[in-house]
Amino acid sequence: MAGMRTKAGVGAVALVLVTAATGAIGAPRCATSDEVTAIQAAAIQQQLMVAALTCNQIEHFNAFQTAYGKELRRSDAALQHMFRRLYAGHGDAEYHAFKTRLANNSSIRSIHDNPGYCHDAGMVFDAALISDKPTLASFVSGIEVAEQGPVDSCGMTVAVGFSGVPLVAPKPNPLRTASLAPSAPAAAAPANGAPPGN
């Protein structure tokens, strides 16, 4: 009987250690809204880095990095913190593996359709580098990314992953689009004074 209790105690301790190391058994790994933004920002940043190299867009990439530098660093810190939170002792390794996977997948897409990839990346650069630039969070929320995220958002609806055509396509911000739309010209009255259509 004492041997059985010892085995049960050892089993319970092992279960506690496994649960502590991996999180609660069956518990979802959830990203906060800031972490979802960080995942999207990392995916877009890696995609644009590949475009810099494979599409000769180095100048645009440098401008993107400069324009969003402070926000990109903050976002990357949030991403790394998420991996450390979710993966305990091997969070840094998971973080680096995720970033490498993003870059590799972007490179593969560029290899398969470089003209299309470069066109799409050019659209993203154009959207990012306008004079009245949005915040990084606002910007990345308007870009569809189909890369598989490392975790679920657990109830938040986000577009994570480069799916669809084009692979990188900015969604127009309705407020920005409305302010850029030309005003409709006033209808000119016919020269003979007759109502239009007669």
C-alpha atoms as a PDB file:
ATOM      1  CA  MET A   1       0.000   0.000   0.000  1.00  0.00           C
ATOM      2  CA  ALA A   2       2.828   2.422   0.830  1.00  0.00           C
ATOM      3  CA  GLY A   3       4.436   1.678  -2.553  1.00  0.00           C
ATOM      4  CA  MET A   4       1.200   2.576  -4.308  1.00  0.00           C
ATOM      5  CA  ARG A   5       0.978   5.890  -2.466  1.00  0.00           C
ATOM      6  CA  THR A   6       4.564   6.682  -3.381  1.00  0.00           C
ATOM      7  CA  LYS A   7       3.858   5.939  -7.060  1.00  0.00           C
ATOM      8  CA  ALA A   8       0.705   8.055  -6.959  1.00  0.00           C
ATOM      9  CA  GLY A   9       2.639  10.885  -5.290  1.00  0.00           C
ATOM     10  CA  VAL A  10       5.406  10.716  -7.882  1.00  0.00           C
ATOM     11  CA  GLY A  11       2.787  10.712 -10.648  1.00  0.00           C
ATOM     12  CA  ALA A  12       1.054  13.760  -9.167  1.00  0.00           C
ATOM     13  CA  VAL A  13       4.366  15.631  -8.870  1.00  0.00           C
ATOM     14  CA  ALA A  14       5.206  14.755 -12.488  1.00  0.00           C
ATOM     15  CA  LEU A  15       1.782  16.002 -13.622  1.00  0.00           C
ATOM     16  CA  VAL A  16       2.273  19.283 -11.742  1.00  0.00           C
ATOM     17  CA  LEU A  17       5.725  19.753 -13.308  1.00  0.00           C
ATOM     18  CA  VAL A  18       4.456  19.036 -16.825  1.00  0.00           C
ATOM     19  CA  THR A  19       1.487  21.352 -16.318  1.00  0.00           C
ATOM     20  CA  ALA A  20       3.728  24.108 -14.954  1.00  0.00           C
ATOM     21  CA  ALA A  21       6.165  23.756 -17.852  1.00  0.00           C
ATOM     22  CA  THR A  22       3.573  23.666 -20.630  1.00  0.00           C
ATOM     23  CA  GLY A  23       0.661  25.617 -19.192  1.00  0.00           C
ATOM     24  CA  ALA A  24      -2.629  24.101 -18.190  1.00  0.00           C
ATOM     25  CA  ILE A  25      -3.390  20.914 -20.054  1.00  0.00           C
ATOM     26  CA  GLY A  26      -5.683  21.668 -22.944  1.00  0.00           C
ATOM     27  CA  ALA A  27      -5.714  25.397 -22.183  1.00  0.00           C
ATOM     28  CA  PRO A  28      -5.564  27.506 -25.307  1.00  0.00           C
ATOM     29  CA  ARG A  29      -2.572  29.688 -25.920  1.00  0.00           C
ATOM     30  CA  CYS A  30      -4.089  33.091 -26.451  1.00  0.00           C
ATOM     31  CA  ALA A  31      -2.658  36.315 -27.793  1.00  0.00           C
ATOM     32  CA  THR A  32      -3.778  39.697 -26.540  1.00  0.00           C
ATOM     33  CA  SER A  33      -4.839  42.339 -29.055  1.00  0.00           C
ATOM     34  CA  ASP A  34      -1.386  43.990 -28.784  1.00  0.00           C
ATOM     35  CA  GLU A  35       0.241  40.607 -29.404  1.00  0.00           C
ATOM     36  CA  VAL A  36      -1.958  39.987 -32.446  1.00  0.00           C
ATOM     37  CA  THR A  37      -0.831  43.360 -33.787  1.00  0.00           C
ATOM     38  CA  ALA A  38       2.780  42.352 -33.081  1.00  0.00           C
ATOM     39  CA  ILE A  39       2.301  39.082 -34.996  1.00  0.00           C
ATOM     40  CA  GLN A  40       0.869  40.982 -37.963  1.00  0.00           C
ATOM     41  CA  ALA A  41       3.628  43.602 -37.814  1.00  0.00           C
ATOM     42  CA  ALA A  42       6.318  40.908 -37.755  1.00  0.00           C
ATOM     43  CA  ALA A  43       4.768  39.136 -40.752  1.00  0.00           C
ATOM     44  CA  ILE A  44       4.559  42.362 -42.768  1.00  0.00           C
ATOM     45  CA  GLN A  45       8.037  43.493 -41.741  1.00  0.00           C
ATOM     46  CA  GLN A  46       9.583  40.160 -42.789  1.00  0.00           C
ATOM     47  CA  GLN A  47       7.689  40.258 -46.073  1.00  0.00           C
ATOM     48  CA  LEU A  48       8.928  43.775 -46.787  1.00  0.00           C
ATOM     49  CA  MET A  49      12.479  42.778 -45.848  1.00  0.00           C
ATOM     50  CA  VAL A  50      12.345  40.044 -48.493  1.00  0.00           C
ATOM     51  CA  ALA A  51      10.934  42.585 -50.973  1.00  0.00           C
ATOM     52  CA  ALA A  52      13.863  44.889 -50.197  1.00  0.00           C
ATOM     53  CA  LEU A  53      16.268  42.165 -51.262  1.00  0.00           C
ATOM     54  CA  THR A  54      14.381  40.422 -54.090  1.00  0.00           C
ATOM     55  CA  CYS A  55      12.592  43.450 -55.591  1.00  0.00           C
ATOM     56  CA  ASN A  56      15.363  46.029 -55.222  1.00  0.00           C
ATOM     57  CA  GLN A  57      13.193  47.928 -52.718  1.00  0.00           C
ATOM     58  CA  ILE A  58      15.970  48.624 -50.193  1.00  0.00           C
ATOM     59  CA  GLU A  59      15.299  52.365 -50.164  1.00  0.00           C
ATOM     60  CA  HIS A  60      11.586  51.803 -49.469  1.00  0.00           C
ATOM     61  CA  PHE A  61      12.335  49.241 -46.767  1.00  0.00           C
ATOM     62  CA  ASN A  62      14.757  51.605 -45.056  1.00  0.00           C
ATOM     63  CA  ALA A  63      12.140  54.371 -45.197  1.00  0.00           C
ATOM     64  CA  PHE A  64       9.575  51.985 -43.680  1.00  0.00           C
ATOM     65  CA  GLN A  65      11.983  51.006 -40.896  1.00  0.00           C
ATOM     66  CA  THR A  66      12.765  54.657 -40.196  1.00  0.00           C
ATOM     67  CA  ALA A  67       9.160  55.847 -40.288  1.00  0.00           C
ATOM     68  CA  TYR A  68       7.883  53.088 -37.989  1.00  0.00           C
ATOM     69  CA  GLY A  69      11.115  52.348 -36.098  1.00  0.00           C
ATOM     70  CA  LYS A  70       9.984  53.167 -32.564  1.00  0.00           C
ATOM     71  CA  GLU A  71       6.647  51.357 -33.006  1.00  0.00           C
ATOM     72  CA  LEU A  72       8.356  48.360 -34.659  1.00  0.00           C
ATOM     73  CA  ARG A  73      10.751  48.002 -31.727  1.00  0.00           C
ATOM     74  CA  ARG A  74       7.878  48.207 -29.227  1.00  0.00           C
ATOM     75  CA  SER A  75       5.866  45.704 -31.260  1.00  0.00           C
ATOM     76  CA  ASP A  76       8.799  43.307 -31.511  1.00  0.00           C
ATOM     77  CA  ALA A  77       9.328  43.505 -27.743  1.00  0.00           C
ATOM     78  CA  ALA A  78       5.633  42.614 -27.260  1.00  0.00           C
ATOM     79  CA  LEU A  79       6.051  39.668 -29.641  1.00  0.00           C
ATOM     80  CA  GLN A  80       9.111  38.390 -27.804  1.00  0.00           C
ATOM     81  CA  HIS A  81       7.336  38.838 -24.450  1.00  0.00           C
ATOM     82  CA  MET A  82       4.396  36.790 -25.777  1.00  0.00           C
ATOM     83  CA  PHE A  83       6.702  33.922 -26.769  1.00  0.00           C
ATOM     84  CA  ARG A  84       8.413  34.021 -23.378  1.00  0.00           C
ATOM     85  CA  ARG A  85       5.031  34.031 -21.631  1.00  0.00           C
ATOM     86  CA  LEU A  86       3.632  31.159 -23.675  1.00  0.00           C
ATOM     87  CA  TYR A  87       6.721  28.972 -24.037  1.00  0.00           C
ATOM     88  CA  ALA A  88       8.402  29.458 -20.656  1.00  0.00           C
ATOM     89  CA  GLY A  89      12.054  28.355 -20.843  1.00  0.00           C
ATOM     90  CA  HIS A  90      12.224  28.130 -24.626  1.00  0.00           C
ATOM     91  CA  GLY A  91      10.341  31.295 -25.568  1.00  0.00           C
ATOM     92  CA  ASP A  92      13.370  32.958 -27.146  1.00  0.00           C
ATOM     93  CA  ALA A  93      14.001  29.923 -29.372  1.00  0.00           C
ATOM     94  CA  GLU A  94      10.330  29.853 -30.432  1.00  0.00           C
ATOM     95  CA  TYR A  95      10.426  33.597 -31.129  1.00  0.00           C
ATOM     96  CA  HIS A  96      13.492  33.278 -33.381  1.00  0.00           C
ATOM     97  CA  ALA A  97      12.045  30.201 -35.110  1.00  0.00           C
ATOM     98  CA  PHE A  98       8.823  32.103 -35.827  1.00  0.00           C
ATOM     99  CA  LYS A  99      10.665  35.097 -37.300  1.00  0.00           C
ATOM    100  CA  THR A 100      12.847  32.781 -39.415  1.00  0.00           C
ATOM    101  CA  ARG A 101       9.769  30.912 -40.646  1.00  0.00           C
ATOM    102  CA  LEU A 102       8.153  34.218 -41.662  1.00  0.00           C
ATOM    103  CA  ALA A 103      11.221  35.240 -43.675  1.00  0.00           C
ATOM    104  CA  ASN A 104      11.588  31.793 -45.284  1.00  0.00           C
ATOM    105  CA  ASN A 105       7.926  31.638 -46.305  1.00  0.00           C
ATOM    106  CA  SER A 106       8.119  35.138 -47.770  1.00  0.00           C
ATOM    107  CA  SER A 107      11.236  34.154 -49.725  1.00  0.00           C
ATOM    108  CA  ILE A 108       9.478  31.095 -51.122  1.00  0.00           C
ATOM    109  CA  ARG A 109       6.513  33.201 -52.243  1.00  0.00           C
ATOM    110  CA  SER A 110       8.908  35.659 -53.859  1.00  0.00           C
ATOM    111  CA  ILE A 111      10.674  32.835 -55.712  1.00  0.00           C
ATOM    112  CA  HIS A 112       7.405  31.395 -57.043  1.00  0.00           C
ATOM    113  CA  ASP A 113       6.039  34.723 -58.367  1.00  0.00           C
ATOM    114  CA  ASN A 114       8.577  37.500 -58.050  1.00  0.00           C
ATOM    115  CA  PRO A 115       6.801  40.030 -60.308  1.00  0.00           C
ATOM    116  CA  GLY A 116       3.524  39.575 -58.416  1.00  0.00           C
ATOM    117  CA  TYR A 117       5.285  39.577 -55.051  1.00  0.00           C
ATOM    118  CA  CYS A 118       7.124  42.792 -55.910  1.00  0.00           C
ATOM    119  CA  HIS A 119       3.951  44.461 -57.191  1.00  0.00           C
ATOM    120  CA  ASP A 120       2.089  43.590 -53.999  1.00  0.00           C
ATOM    121  CA  ALA A 121       4.977  44.702 -51.793  1.00  0.00           C
ATOM    122  CA  GLY A 122       5.114  47.981 -53.730  1.00  0.00           C
ATOM    123  CA  MET A 123       1.455  48.571 -52.884  1.00  0.00           C
ATOM    124  CA  VAL A 124       2.190  47.973 -49.207  1.00  0.00           C
ATOM    125  CA  PHE A 125       5.182  50.328 -49.277  1.00  0.00           C
ATOM    126  CA  ASP A 126       3.027  52.973 -50.971  1.00  0.00           C
ATOM    127  CA  ALA A 127       0.341  52.612 -48.303  1.00  0.00           C
ATOM    128  CA  ALA A 128       2.885  52.692 -45.476  1.00  0.00           C
ATOM    129  CA  LEU A 129       4.901  55.639 -46.665  1.00  0.00           C
ATOM    130  CA  ILE A 130       2.202  58.220 -47.314  1.00  0.00           C
ATOM    131  CA  SER A 131       2.824  61.655 -45.854  1.00  0.00           C
ATOM    132  CA  ASP A 132       0.008  61.311 -43.299  1.00  0.00           C
ATOM    133  CA  LYS A 133       1.112  57.853 -42.158  1.00  0.00           C
ATOM    134  CA  PRO A 134      -1.126  55.860 -39.828  1.00  0.00           C
ATOM    135  CA  THR A 135       0.078  54.273 -36.615  1.00  0.00           C
ATOM    136  CA  LEU A 136       1.717  50.879 -37.027  1.00  0.00           C
ATOM    137  CA  ALA A 137      -1.256  49.160 -35.372  1.00  0.00           C
ATOM    138  CA  SER A 138      -3.710  50.870 -37.719  1.00  0.00           C
ATOM    139  CA  PHE A 139      -1.535  50.141 -40.724  1.00  0.00           C
ATOM    140  CA  VAL A 140      -1.001  46.426 -40.060  1.00  0.00           C
ATOM    141  CA  SER A 141      -4.672  45.924 -39.260  1.00  0.00           C
ATOM    142  CA  GLY A 142      -5.408  47.036 -42.830  1.00  0.00           C
ATOM    143  CA  ILE A 143      -3.034  44.539 -44.458  1.00  0.00           C
ATOM    144  CA  GLU A 144      -4.209  40.985 -44.987  1.00  0.00           C
ATOM    145  CA  VAL A 145      -1.540  38.531 -43.911  1.00  0.00           C
ATOM    146  CA  ALA A 146      -1.995  34.797 -44.409  1.00  0.00           C
ATOM    147  CA  GLU A 147       0.986  33.537 -42.448  1.00  0.00           C
ATOM    148  CA  GLN A 148      -0.009  31.026 -39.791  1.00  0.00           C
ATOM    149  CA  GLY A 149       0.198  32.790 -36.459  1.00  0.00           C
ATOM    150  CA  PRO A 150       1.935  31.067 -33.561  1.00  0.00           C
ATOM    151  CA  VAL A 151      -1.147  31.265 -31.304  1.00  0.00           C
ATOM    152  CA  ASP A 152      -4.864  31.887 -31.432  1.00  0.00           C
ATOM    153  CA  SER A 153      -6.366  35.208 -30.586  1.00  0.00           C
ATOM    154  CA  CYS A 154      -8.995  33.290 -28.590  1.00  0.00           C
ATOM    155  CA  GLY A 155     -12.108  35.038 -29.720  1.00  0.00           C
ATOM    156  CA  MET A 156     -10.684  38.101 -31.452  1.00  0.00           C
ATOM    157  CA  THR A 157     -11.228  38.244 -35.184  1.00  0.00           C
ATOM    158  CA  VAL A 158      -8.025  39.049 -37.019  1.00  0.00           C
ATOM    159  CA  ALA A 159      -6.594  38.400 -40.442  1.00  0.00           C
ATOM    160  CA  VAL A 160      -3.401  36.478 -39.808  1.00  0.00           C
ATOM    161  CA  GLY A 161      -1.866  34.743 -42.760  1.00  0.00           C
ATOM    162  CA  PHE A 162      -1.127  35.650 -46.348  1.00  0.00           C
ATOM    163  CA  SER A 163      -4.222  34.205 -47.992  1.00  0.00           C
ATOM    164  CA  GLY A 164      -5.944  35.322 -51.095  1.00  0.00           C
ATOM    165  CA  VAL A 165      -4.740  37.215 -54.098  1.00  0.00           C
ATOM    166  CA  PRO A 166      -2.789  39.396 -53.996  1.00  0.00           C
ATOM    167  CA  LEU A 167      -0.670  37.959 -51.223  1.00  0.00           C
ATOM    168  CA  VAL A 168      -0.070  41.410 -49.778  1.00  0.00           C
ATOM    169  CA  ALA A 169      -2.869  43.855 -50.359  1.00  0.00           C
ATOM    170  CA  PRO A 170      -3.594  46.909 -48.273  1.00  0.00           C
ATOM    171  CA  LYS A 171      -7.235  47.392 -47.377  1.00  0.00           C
ATOM    172  CA  PRO A 172      -8.124  51.029 -47.959  1.00  0.00           C
ATOM    173  CA  ASN A 173      -8.879  53.027 -44.873  1.00  0.00           C
ATOM    174  CA  PRO A 174     -12.342  54.507 -45.585  1.00  0.00           C
ATOM    175  CA  LEU A 175     -11.460  57.793 -43.889  1.00  0.00           C
ATOM    176  CA  ARG A 176      -8.264  58.170 -45.888  1.00  0.00           C
ATOM    177  CA  THR A 177      -9.972  57.065 -49.104  1.00  0.00           C
ATOM    178  CA  ALA A 178     -12.786  59.588 -48.614  1.00  0.00           C
ATOM    179  CA  SER A 179     -10.330  62.411 -48.043  1.00  0.00           C
ATOM    180  CA  LEU A 180      -8.375  61.493 -51.184  1.00  0.00           C
ATOM    181  CA  ALA A 181     -11.397  61.078 -53.486  1.00  0.00           C
ATOM    182  CA  PRO A 182     -11.811  63.902 -55.992  1.00  0.00           C
ATOM    183  CA  SER A 183     -14.946  65.928 -55.561  1.00  0.00           C
ATOM    184  CA  ALA A 184     -17.632  65.328 -58.203  1.00  0.00           C
ATOM    185  CA  PRO A 185     -17.726  68.069 -60.847  1.00  0.00           C
ATOM    186  CA  ALA A 186     -20.873  70.154 -60.922  1.00  0.00           C
ATOM    187  CA  ALA A 187     -23.225  69.149 -63.735  1.00  0.00           C
ATOM    188  CA  ALA A 188     -23.035  71.696 -66.503  1.00  0.00           C
ATOM    189  CA  ALA A 189     -26.297  73.081 -67.864  1.00  0.00           C
ATOM    190  CA  PRO A 190     -26.794  72.549 -71.610  1.00  0.00           C
ATOM    191  CA  ALA A 191     -25.982  75.540 -73.772  1.00  0.00           C
ATOM    192  CA  ASN A 192     -29.538  75.841 -75.161  1.00  0.00           C
ATOM    193  CA  GLY A 193     -31.034  76.130 -71.651  1.00  0.00           C
ATOM    194  CA  ALA A 194     -33.035  72.876 -72.075  1.00  0.00           C
ATOM    195  CA  PRO A 195     -33.162  70.465 -69.144  1.00  0.00           C
ATOM    196  CA  PRO A 196     -30.538  67.679 -69.306  1.00  0.00           C
ATOM    197  CA  GLY A 197     -31.551  64.652 -71.373  1.00  0.00           C
ATOM    198  CA  ASN A 198     -33.696  66.619 -73.882  1.00  0.00           C
END
